[in-house]
N, C-alpha and C. Protein backbone atom coordinates (compact mmCIF):
# COMPACT_ATOMS: atom_id res chain seq x y z
N MET A 1 -1.01 -10.91 19.78
CA MET A 1 0.37 -11.35 19.67
C MET A 1 0.66 -11.87 18.25
N ARG A 2 -0.33 -12.55 17.67
CA ARG A 2 -0.19 -13.09 16.32
C ARG A 2 0.06 -11.96 15.32
N THR A 3 -0.69 -10.88 15.46
CA THR A 3 -0.55 -9.75 14.54
C THR A 3 0.81 -9.08 14.70
N TRP A 4 1.26 -8.90 15.94
CA TRP A 4 2.57 -8.28 16.15
C TRP A 4 3.69 -9.13 15.58
N LEU A 5 3.58 -10.45 15.74
CA LEU A 5 4.58 -11.35 15.16
C LEU A 5 4.57 -11.24 13.64
N ALA A 6 3.39 -11.17 13.06
CA ALA A 6 3.28 -11.02 11.60
C ALA A 6 3.90 -9.71 11.14
N ILE A 7 3.69 -8.65 11.89
CA ILE A 7 4.27 -7.34 11.54
C ILE A 7 5.79 -7.42 11.59
N VAL A 8 6.34 -8.08 12.59
CA VAL A 8 7.79 -8.20 12.71
C VAL A 8 8.36 -9.00 11.54
N VAL A 9 7.72 -10.12 11.20
CA VAL A 9 8.21 -10.95 10.09
C VAL A 9 8.13 -10.18 8.78
N ALA A 10 7.03 -9.47 8.54
CA ALA A 10 6.92 -8.67 7.32
C ALA A 10 7.99 -7.57 7.31
N GLY A 11 8.23 -6.97 8.47
CA GLY A 11 9.26 -5.94 8.56
C GLY A 11 10.64 -6.48 8.23
N VAL A 12 10.92 -7.72 8.67
CA VAL A 12 12.21 -8.34 8.36
C VAL A 12 12.33 -8.55 6.85
N GLY A 13 11.24 -9.01 6.21
CA GLY A 13 11.27 -9.20 4.76
C GLY A 13 11.52 -7.91 4.02
N ILE A 14 10.85 -6.85 4.45
CA ILE A 14 11.03 -5.55 3.79
C ILE A 14 12.43 -5.00 4.07
N ALA A 15 12.91 -5.14 5.30
CA ALA A 15 14.26 -4.69 5.64
C ALA A 15 15.30 -5.44 4.82
N TRP A 16 15.07 -6.71 4.58
CA TRP A 16 16.00 -7.52 3.77
C TRP A 16 16.11 -6.93 2.36
N MET A 17 14.96 -6.56 1.80
CA MET A 17 14.98 -5.97 0.45
C MET A 17 15.68 -4.62 0.44
N PHE A 18 15.40 -3.79 1.45
CA PHE A 18 16.02 -2.47 1.51
C PHE A 18 17.51 -2.55 1.78
N ALA A 19 17.93 -3.51 2.60
CA ALA A 19 19.35 -3.65 2.90
C ALA A 19 20.14 -3.95 1.63
N ALA A 20 19.59 -4.82 0.80
CA ALA A 20 20.28 -5.15 -0.45
C ALA A 20 20.36 -3.93 -1.36
N GLN A 21 19.31 -3.12 -1.38
CA GLN A 21 19.33 -1.91 -2.21
C GLN A 21 20.32 -0.89 -1.65
N ALA A 22 20.43 -0.81 -0.32
CA ALA A 22 21.37 0.13 0.30
C ALA A 22 22.81 -0.25 -0.03
N GLU A 23 23.08 -1.55 -0.05
CA GLU A 23 24.42 -2.01 -0.41
C GLU A 23 24.75 -1.68 -1.87
N ALA A 24 23.71 -1.65 -2.69
CA ALA A 24 23.91 -1.36 -4.12
C ALA A 24 24.03 0.14 -4.37
N GLY A 25 23.95 0.96 -3.32
CA GLY A 25 24.14 2.40 -3.46
C GLY A 25 22.85 3.17 -3.69
N ALA A 26 21.75 2.67 -3.19
CA ALA A 26 20.47 3.38 -3.34
C ALA A 26 20.52 4.70 -2.57
N SER A 27 19.72 5.65 -3.01
CA SER A 27 19.67 6.98 -2.42
C SER A 27 19.09 6.93 -1.01
N LEU A 28 19.75 7.60 -0.06
CA LEU A 28 19.25 7.67 1.31
C LEU A 28 17.93 8.43 1.35
N LEU A 29 17.82 9.50 0.59
CA LEU A 29 16.57 10.26 0.54
C LEU A 29 15.43 9.39 0.02
N GLY A 30 15.68 8.63 -1.03
CA GLY A 30 14.66 7.74 -1.58
C GLY A 30 14.23 6.70 -0.56
N SER A 31 15.17 6.17 0.21
CA SER A 31 14.83 5.19 1.24
C SER A 31 14.03 5.82 2.37
N LEU A 32 14.35 7.07 2.73
CA LEU A 32 13.60 7.76 3.77
C LEU A 32 12.16 8.03 3.31
N VAL A 33 12.00 8.43 2.06
CA VAL A 33 10.66 8.65 1.52
C VAL A 33 9.90 7.34 1.49
N ALA A 34 10.57 6.27 1.05
CA ALA A 34 9.93 4.96 1.02
C ALA A 34 9.53 4.51 2.43
N GLY A 35 10.31 4.87 3.43
CA GLY A 35 9.96 4.53 4.81
C GLY A 35 8.84 5.38 5.36
N ALA A 36 8.71 6.62 4.85
CA ALA A 36 7.65 7.51 5.33
C ALA A 36 6.28 7.09 4.80
N VAL A 37 6.26 6.46 3.64
CA VAL A 37 4.98 6.07 3.04
C VAL A 37 4.22 5.09 3.93
N PRO A 38 4.83 3.99 4.41
CA PRO A 38 4.06 3.09 5.28
C PRO A 38 3.68 3.73 6.62
N LEU A 39 4.52 4.65 7.09
CA LEU A 39 4.19 5.35 8.32
C LEU A 39 2.93 6.19 8.12
N ALA A 40 2.88 6.92 7.02
CA ALA A 40 1.68 7.71 6.70
C ALA A 40 0.47 6.81 6.50
N GLY A 41 0.68 5.66 5.87
CA GLY A 41 -0.42 4.71 5.68
C GLY A 41 -0.94 4.18 7.00
N ALA A 42 -0.04 3.90 7.94
CA ALA A 42 -0.46 3.39 9.25
C ALA A 42 -1.28 4.45 10.00
N VAL A 43 -0.85 5.69 9.92
CA VAL A 43 -1.61 6.77 10.56
C VAL A 43 -2.99 6.88 9.90
N ASN A 44 -3.03 6.82 8.59
CA ASN A 44 -4.29 6.89 7.85
C ASN A 44 -5.24 5.76 8.26
N LEU A 45 -4.75 4.55 8.33
CA LEU A 45 -5.60 3.41 8.69
C LEU A 45 -6.10 3.53 10.12
N THR A 46 -5.25 3.99 11.01
CA THR A 46 -5.66 4.14 12.41
C THR A 46 -6.76 5.19 12.53
N VAL A 47 -6.60 6.31 11.83
CA VAL A 47 -7.62 7.37 11.86
C VAL A 47 -8.92 6.86 11.25
N LEU A 48 -8.83 6.18 10.10
CA LEU A 48 -10.04 5.66 9.46
C LEU A 48 -10.77 4.67 10.36
N GLN A 49 -10.00 3.82 11.03
CA GLN A 49 -10.63 2.85 11.91
C GLN A 49 -11.31 3.55 13.08
N ARG A 50 -10.66 4.54 13.63
CA ARG A 50 -11.22 5.28 14.76
C ARG A 50 -12.51 5.98 14.35
N VAL A 51 -12.50 6.63 13.19
CA VAL A 51 -13.70 7.34 12.71
C VAL A 51 -14.80 6.34 12.39
N GLY A 52 -14.43 5.21 11.78
CA GLY A 52 -15.42 4.21 11.38
C GLY A 52 -16.10 3.53 12.55
N LYS A 53 -15.42 3.41 13.69
CA LYS A 53 -16.00 2.69 14.82
C LYS A 53 -16.55 3.62 15.90
N ASP A 54 -16.26 4.91 15.78
CA ASP A 54 -16.72 5.85 16.79
C ASP A 54 -18.24 6.02 16.69
N ALA A 55 -18.92 5.87 17.79
CA ALA A 55 -20.39 5.94 17.80
C ALA A 55 -20.89 7.34 17.43
N VAL A 56 -20.11 8.37 17.77
CA VAL A 56 -20.53 9.74 17.48
C VAL A 56 -20.32 10.07 16.01
N LEU A 57 -19.22 9.60 15.44
CA LEU A 57 -18.88 9.91 14.06
C LEU A 57 -19.28 8.75 13.16
N THR A 58 -20.52 8.71 12.75
CA THR A 58 -20.98 7.61 11.91
C THR A 58 -21.10 8.00 10.45
N GLU A 59 -20.55 9.16 10.07
CA GLU A 59 -20.63 9.59 8.70
C GLU A 59 -19.87 8.63 7.79
N ASP A 60 -20.32 8.57 6.56
CA ASP A 60 -19.64 7.78 5.56
C ASP A 60 -18.38 8.51 5.12
N MET A 61 -17.25 7.81 5.13
CA MET A 61 -15.97 8.43 4.78
C MET A 61 -15.68 8.40 3.28
N LEU A 62 -16.54 7.76 2.49
CA LEU A 62 -16.28 7.68 1.06
C LEU A 62 -16.25 9.05 0.38
N PRO A 63 -17.14 10.00 0.75
CA PRO A 63 -17.00 11.34 0.15
C PRO A 63 -15.66 12.01 0.50
N ALA A 64 -15.11 11.69 1.65
CA ALA A 64 -13.80 12.24 2.03
C ALA A 64 -12.72 11.74 1.08
N VAL A 65 -12.86 10.51 0.59
CA VAL A 65 -11.89 9.99 -0.38
C VAL A 65 -11.96 10.80 -1.67
N LEU A 66 -13.17 11.12 -2.11
CA LEU A 66 -13.35 11.93 -3.33
C LEU A 66 -12.75 13.32 -3.14
N ILE A 67 -13.01 13.94 -2.00
CA ILE A 67 -12.46 15.27 -1.73
C ILE A 67 -10.93 15.22 -1.70
N GLY A 68 -10.39 14.20 -1.07
CA GLY A 68 -8.94 14.05 -1.03
C GLY A 68 -8.34 13.85 -2.42
N ALA A 69 -9.03 13.09 -3.27
CA ALA A 69 -8.55 12.87 -4.63
C ALA A 69 -8.57 14.17 -5.44
N VAL A 70 -9.63 14.94 -5.30
CA VAL A 70 -9.72 16.21 -6.02
C VAL A 70 -8.64 17.18 -5.54
N LEU A 71 -8.45 17.27 -4.22
CA LEU A 71 -7.40 18.16 -3.69
C LEU A 71 -6.01 17.72 -4.15
N SER A 72 -5.77 16.41 -4.17
CA SER A 72 -4.48 15.90 -4.64
C SER A 72 -4.26 16.23 -6.10
N ALA A 73 -5.31 16.07 -6.91
CA ALA A 73 -5.20 16.38 -8.34
C ALA A 73 -4.90 17.87 -8.54
N LEU A 74 -5.58 18.72 -7.79
CA LEU A 74 -5.34 20.16 -7.92
C LEU A 74 -3.94 20.55 -7.46
N ALA A 75 -3.46 19.90 -6.40
CA ALA A 75 -2.13 20.23 -5.87
C ALA A 75 -1.02 19.78 -6.82
N THR A 76 -1.24 18.69 -7.54
CA THR A 76 -0.19 18.18 -8.43
C THR A 76 -0.32 18.68 -9.87
N TRP A 77 -1.43 19.32 -10.20
CA TRP A 77 -1.64 19.81 -11.56
C TRP A 77 -0.50 20.72 -12.04
N PRO A 78 -0.06 21.69 -11.23
CA PRO A 78 1.04 22.56 -11.71
C PRO A 78 2.33 21.79 -11.99
N LEU A 79 2.55 20.69 -11.30
CA LEU A 79 3.77 19.90 -11.52
C LEU A 79 3.73 19.15 -12.85
N ALA A 80 2.53 18.95 -13.38
CA ALA A 80 2.37 18.22 -14.64
C ALA A 80 2.35 19.15 -15.84
N TRP A 81 2.45 20.45 -15.60
CA TRP A 81 2.32 21.41 -16.69
C TRP A 81 3.66 21.66 -17.34
N PRO A 82 3.83 21.78 -18.61
CA PRO A 82 2.79 21.71 -19.63
C PRO A 82 2.48 20.25 -19.95
N MET A 83 1.22 19.99 -20.15
CA MET A 83 0.77 18.62 -20.44
C MET A 83 1.27 18.21 -21.82
N GLN A 84 2.02 17.13 -21.86
CA GLN A 84 2.53 16.63 -23.13
C GLN A 84 2.22 15.15 -23.25
N VAL A 85 0.99 14.79 -22.97
CA VAL A 85 0.60 13.39 -22.98
C VAL A 85 -0.41 13.18 -24.11
N SER A 86 -0.27 12.05 -24.77
CA SER A 86 -1.21 11.74 -25.85
C SER A 86 -2.55 11.32 -25.27
N SER A 87 -3.57 11.33 -26.11
CA SER A 87 -4.90 10.93 -25.63
C SER A 87 -4.91 9.46 -25.23
N HIS A 88 -4.13 8.61 -25.92
CA HIS A 88 -4.02 7.19 -25.54
C HIS A 88 -3.42 7.05 -24.14
N ASP A 89 -2.32 7.76 -23.90
CA ASP A 89 -1.68 7.71 -22.59
C ASP A 89 -2.58 8.29 -21.51
N LEU A 90 -3.31 9.34 -21.83
CA LEU A 90 -4.23 9.93 -20.87
C LEU A 90 -5.33 8.94 -20.50
N GLY A 91 -5.80 8.18 -21.46
CA GLY A 91 -6.79 7.13 -21.18
C GLY A 91 -6.22 6.05 -20.28
N LEU A 92 -4.97 5.65 -20.55
CA LEU A 92 -4.32 4.65 -19.69
C LEU A 92 -4.13 5.19 -18.26
N LEU A 93 -3.75 6.46 -18.16
CA LEU A 93 -3.59 7.07 -16.84
C LEU A 93 -4.92 7.13 -16.09
N ALA A 94 -5.99 7.44 -16.80
CA ALA A 94 -7.32 7.47 -16.17
C ALA A 94 -7.71 6.08 -15.70
N LEU A 95 -7.45 5.06 -16.51
CA LEU A 95 -7.75 3.68 -16.11
C LEU A 95 -6.96 3.30 -14.86
N LEU A 96 -5.67 3.62 -14.86
CA LEU A 96 -4.85 3.33 -13.68
C LEU A 96 -5.35 4.10 -12.46
N GLY A 97 -5.78 5.33 -12.66
CA GLY A 97 -6.30 6.12 -11.55
C GLY A 97 -7.50 5.46 -10.90
N VAL A 98 -8.36 4.89 -11.72
CA VAL A 98 -9.55 4.21 -11.19
C VAL A 98 -9.17 2.88 -10.55
N VAL A 99 -8.42 2.05 -11.31
CA VAL A 99 -8.14 0.69 -10.88
C VAL A 99 -7.10 0.64 -9.76
N GLN A 100 -6.06 1.47 -9.85
CA GLN A 100 -4.99 1.42 -8.87
C GLN A 100 -5.19 2.35 -7.68
N LEU A 101 -5.97 3.40 -7.85
CA LEU A 101 -6.11 4.36 -6.76
C LEU A 101 -7.53 4.41 -6.19
N ALA A 102 -8.50 4.70 -7.03
CA ALA A 102 -9.85 4.95 -6.52
C ALA A 102 -10.47 3.70 -5.88
N VAL A 103 -10.51 2.61 -6.61
CA VAL A 103 -11.14 1.39 -6.08
C VAL A 103 -10.41 0.89 -4.82
N PRO A 104 -9.06 0.77 -4.84
CA PRO A 104 -8.39 0.34 -3.60
C PRO A 104 -8.63 1.29 -2.42
N CYS A 105 -8.66 2.62 -2.69
CA CYS A 105 -8.92 3.57 -1.59
C CYS A 105 -10.31 3.36 -1.01
N LEU A 106 -11.29 3.19 -1.87
CA LEU A 106 -12.66 2.97 -1.39
C LEU A 106 -12.76 1.66 -0.61
N LEU A 107 -12.11 0.62 -1.10
CA LEU A 107 -12.11 -0.65 -0.38
C LEU A 107 -11.40 -0.53 0.97
N MET A 108 -10.32 0.23 0.99
CA MET A 108 -9.57 0.41 2.24
C MET A 108 -10.41 1.14 3.27
N VAL A 109 -11.10 2.18 2.84
CA VAL A 109 -11.96 2.93 3.76
C VAL A 109 -13.05 2.01 4.32
N ARG A 110 -13.61 1.18 3.47
CA ARG A 110 -14.68 0.27 3.90
C ARG A 110 -14.13 -0.83 4.82
N LEU A 111 -12.96 -1.36 4.50
CA LEU A 111 -12.38 -2.43 5.31
C LEU A 111 -12.02 -1.99 6.72
N THR A 112 -11.67 -0.72 6.88
CA THR A 112 -11.26 -0.27 8.20
C THR A 112 -12.42 -0.33 9.20
N ARG A 113 -13.64 -0.43 8.71
CA ARG A 113 -14.78 -0.60 9.62
C ARG A 113 -14.92 -2.04 10.08
N GLU A 114 -14.35 -2.97 9.33
CA GLU A 114 -14.53 -4.39 9.62
C GLU A 114 -13.31 -5.04 10.26
N LEU A 115 -12.12 -4.63 9.85
CA LEU A 115 -10.89 -5.28 10.31
C LEU A 115 -10.07 -4.31 11.15
N PRO A 116 -9.27 -4.84 12.08
CA PRO A 116 -8.37 -3.97 12.85
C PRO A 116 -7.31 -3.35 11.93
N ALA A 117 -6.86 -2.16 12.26
CA ALA A 117 -5.89 -1.44 11.44
C ALA A 117 -4.62 -2.25 11.17
N PRO A 118 -4.03 -2.96 12.15
CA PRO A 118 -2.83 -3.75 11.83
C PRO A 118 -3.11 -4.84 10.79
N GLU A 119 -4.29 -5.44 10.84
CA GLU A 119 -4.65 -6.48 9.88
C GLU A 119 -4.78 -5.89 8.47
N VAL A 120 -5.40 -4.73 8.37
CA VAL A 120 -5.54 -4.06 7.07
C VAL A 120 -4.15 -3.67 6.55
N SER A 121 -3.28 -3.21 7.42
CA SER A 121 -1.93 -2.84 7.01
C SER A 121 -1.17 -4.03 6.45
N LEU A 122 -1.33 -5.18 7.10
CA LEU A 122 -0.66 -6.38 6.61
C LEU A 122 -1.19 -6.77 5.23
N LEU A 123 -2.50 -6.71 5.06
CA LEU A 123 -3.08 -7.04 3.77
C LEU A 123 -2.66 -6.03 2.69
N ALA A 124 -2.44 -4.79 3.10
CA ALA A 124 -2.01 -3.76 2.14
C ALA A 124 -0.61 -4.05 1.60
N LEU A 125 0.17 -4.85 2.32
CA LEU A 125 1.50 -5.22 1.82
C LEU A 125 1.40 -6.00 0.51
N LEU A 126 0.26 -6.64 0.28
CA LEU A 126 0.08 -7.36 -0.99
C LEU A 126 0.20 -6.41 -2.17
N GLU A 127 -0.31 -5.19 -2.00
CA GLU A 127 -0.22 -4.20 -3.07
C GLU A 127 1.24 -3.89 -3.39
N VAL A 128 2.05 -3.76 -2.35
CA VAL A 128 3.46 -3.45 -2.54
C VAL A 128 4.15 -4.58 -3.30
N VAL A 129 3.95 -5.81 -2.82
CA VAL A 129 4.63 -6.95 -3.43
C VAL A 129 4.16 -7.17 -4.87
N PHE A 130 2.85 -7.20 -5.07
CA PHE A 130 2.34 -7.46 -6.42
C PHE A 130 2.52 -6.27 -7.35
N GLY A 131 2.47 -5.05 -6.83
CA GLY A 131 2.72 -3.88 -7.67
C GLY A 131 4.10 -3.90 -8.27
N VAL A 132 5.10 -4.22 -7.45
CA VAL A 132 6.47 -4.30 -7.93
C VAL A 132 6.62 -5.46 -8.91
N THR A 133 5.97 -6.58 -8.59
CA THR A 133 6.06 -7.76 -9.47
C THR A 133 5.50 -7.46 -10.85
N TRP A 134 4.33 -6.81 -10.90
CA TRP A 134 3.74 -6.48 -12.21
C TRP A 134 4.61 -5.49 -12.97
N ALA A 135 5.26 -4.58 -12.25
CA ALA A 135 6.17 -3.64 -12.92
C ALA A 135 7.35 -4.38 -13.54
N TRP A 136 7.89 -5.36 -12.83
CA TRP A 136 9.00 -6.15 -13.37
C TRP A 136 8.55 -6.93 -14.60
N VAL A 137 7.38 -7.54 -14.49
CA VAL A 137 6.87 -8.33 -15.62
C VAL A 137 6.67 -7.41 -16.83
N GLY A 138 6.07 -6.24 -16.60
CA GLY A 138 5.81 -5.31 -17.70
C GLY A 138 7.07 -4.76 -18.32
N ALA A 139 8.11 -4.58 -17.52
CA ALA A 139 9.36 -4.01 -18.03
C ALA A 139 10.34 -5.09 -18.47
N GLY A 140 9.99 -6.35 -18.23
CA GLY A 140 10.87 -7.45 -18.63
C GLY A 140 12.14 -7.53 -17.80
N GLU A 141 12.09 -7.05 -16.56
CA GLU A 141 13.27 -7.08 -15.70
C GLU A 141 13.30 -8.35 -14.86
N THR A 142 14.46 -8.65 -14.33
CA THR A 142 14.61 -9.79 -13.42
C THR A 142 15.00 -9.24 -12.05
N PRO A 143 14.18 -9.50 -11.02
CA PRO A 143 14.49 -8.98 -9.69
C PRO A 143 15.69 -9.71 -9.07
N ALA A 144 16.36 -9.01 -8.18
CA ALA A 144 17.49 -9.61 -7.46
C ALA A 144 16.99 -10.69 -6.51
N SER A 145 17.85 -11.62 -6.17
CA SER A 145 17.46 -12.73 -5.29
C SER A 145 17.07 -12.21 -3.90
N SER A 146 17.70 -11.12 -3.44
CA SER A 146 17.34 -10.57 -2.12
C SER A 146 15.91 -10.03 -2.14
N VAL A 147 15.51 -9.46 -3.25
CA VAL A 147 14.14 -8.93 -3.38
C VAL A 147 13.15 -10.09 -3.41
N LEU A 148 13.48 -11.15 -4.15
CA LEU A 148 12.60 -12.32 -4.19
C LEU A 148 12.47 -12.96 -2.81
N PHE A 149 13.59 -13.05 -2.08
CA PHE A 149 13.54 -13.64 -0.75
C PHE A 149 12.71 -12.78 0.20
N GLY A 150 12.96 -11.47 0.21
CA GLY A 150 12.21 -10.57 1.09
C GLY A 150 10.74 -10.55 0.76
N GLY A 151 10.41 -10.46 -0.52
CA GLY A 151 9.01 -10.48 -0.93
C GLY A 151 8.35 -11.81 -0.62
N GLY A 152 9.08 -12.91 -0.81
CA GLY A 152 8.55 -14.23 -0.47
C GLY A 152 8.28 -14.36 1.02
N LEU A 153 9.15 -13.77 1.83
CA LEU A 153 8.95 -13.79 3.28
C LEU A 153 7.69 -13.03 3.67
N VAL A 154 7.48 -11.87 3.04
CA VAL A 154 6.27 -11.08 3.30
C VAL A 154 5.03 -11.88 2.90
N LEU A 155 5.05 -12.47 1.69
CA LEU A 155 3.89 -13.25 1.23
C LEU A 155 3.63 -14.46 2.12
N ALA A 156 4.68 -15.18 2.51
CA ALA A 156 4.51 -16.35 3.39
C ALA A 156 3.91 -15.93 4.73
N GLU A 157 4.39 -14.82 5.27
CA GLU A 157 3.85 -14.33 6.54
C GLU A 157 2.38 -13.98 6.41
N LEU A 158 1.99 -13.34 5.31
CA LEU A 158 0.59 -12.98 5.11
C LEU A 158 -0.29 -14.21 5.00
N VAL A 159 0.17 -15.21 4.28
CA VAL A 159 -0.61 -16.45 4.14
C VAL A 159 -0.77 -17.13 5.50
N VAL A 160 0.32 -17.26 6.24
CA VAL A 160 0.26 -17.90 7.56
C VAL A 160 -0.66 -17.10 8.50
N ASN A 161 -0.52 -15.78 8.49
CA ASN A 161 -1.35 -14.94 9.35
C ASN A 161 -2.82 -15.11 9.04
N GLU A 162 -3.18 -15.08 7.76
CA GLU A 162 -4.60 -15.21 7.38
C GLU A 162 -5.11 -16.62 7.66
N LEU A 163 -4.29 -17.64 7.48
CA LEU A 163 -4.72 -19.00 7.81
C LEU A 163 -4.97 -19.14 9.31
N LEU A 164 -4.14 -18.50 10.12
CA LEU A 164 -4.37 -18.53 11.57
C LEU A 164 -5.66 -17.81 11.94
N VAL A 165 -5.95 -16.72 11.25
CA VAL A 165 -7.21 -16.00 11.49
C VAL A 165 -8.39 -16.89 11.13
N LEU A 166 -8.33 -17.54 9.96
CA LEU A 166 -9.41 -18.43 9.53
C LEU A 166 -9.58 -19.60 10.50
N HIS A 167 -8.47 -20.14 10.96
CA HIS A 167 -8.51 -21.29 11.90
C HIS A 167 -9.15 -20.85 13.23
N ARG A 168 -8.82 -19.64 13.67
CA ARG A 168 -9.36 -19.14 14.93
C ARG A 168 -10.85 -18.84 14.83
N VAL A 169 -11.30 -18.38 13.65
CA VAL A 169 -12.70 -18.04 13.45
C VAL A 169 -13.54 -19.30 13.37
N SER A 170 -13.05 -20.34 12.69
CA SER A 170 -13.87 -21.54 12.50
C SER A 170 -13.84 -22.48 13.67
């Protein structure tokens, strides 16, 4: 029940942010794509958890992450052609690929063996909140108050949820 309540509160925070963007004239297609991403993530986490806990399927899923990364790179390569990126930018992209994609993916695959999928999904919201925050800081932008409120609600819910987990464990 605690996890479902946390999911609802986080959903309200995210809906608050999206509602403000919709009023500002945000693209419906963009909002639908943004809504499909967490749905795909939830399916991914559920499958990973099922594979990780299944007694018959005890294979390590980390090589599957590598295969998925290679297939994704090959599928998107034609979209990046012709390459017009400097070697400096290519180095930065490689660093981001490792730090923002590879390491979090490997940690996510490993965590699904230890934590329930809804718990991992809630913790993954931190990436959304902090990713946007770092982008604002890097671009020198000021977020709207509705975004700050919605993001704050998500963060507060995550802190309360994890404190309840720690209290229950100890």
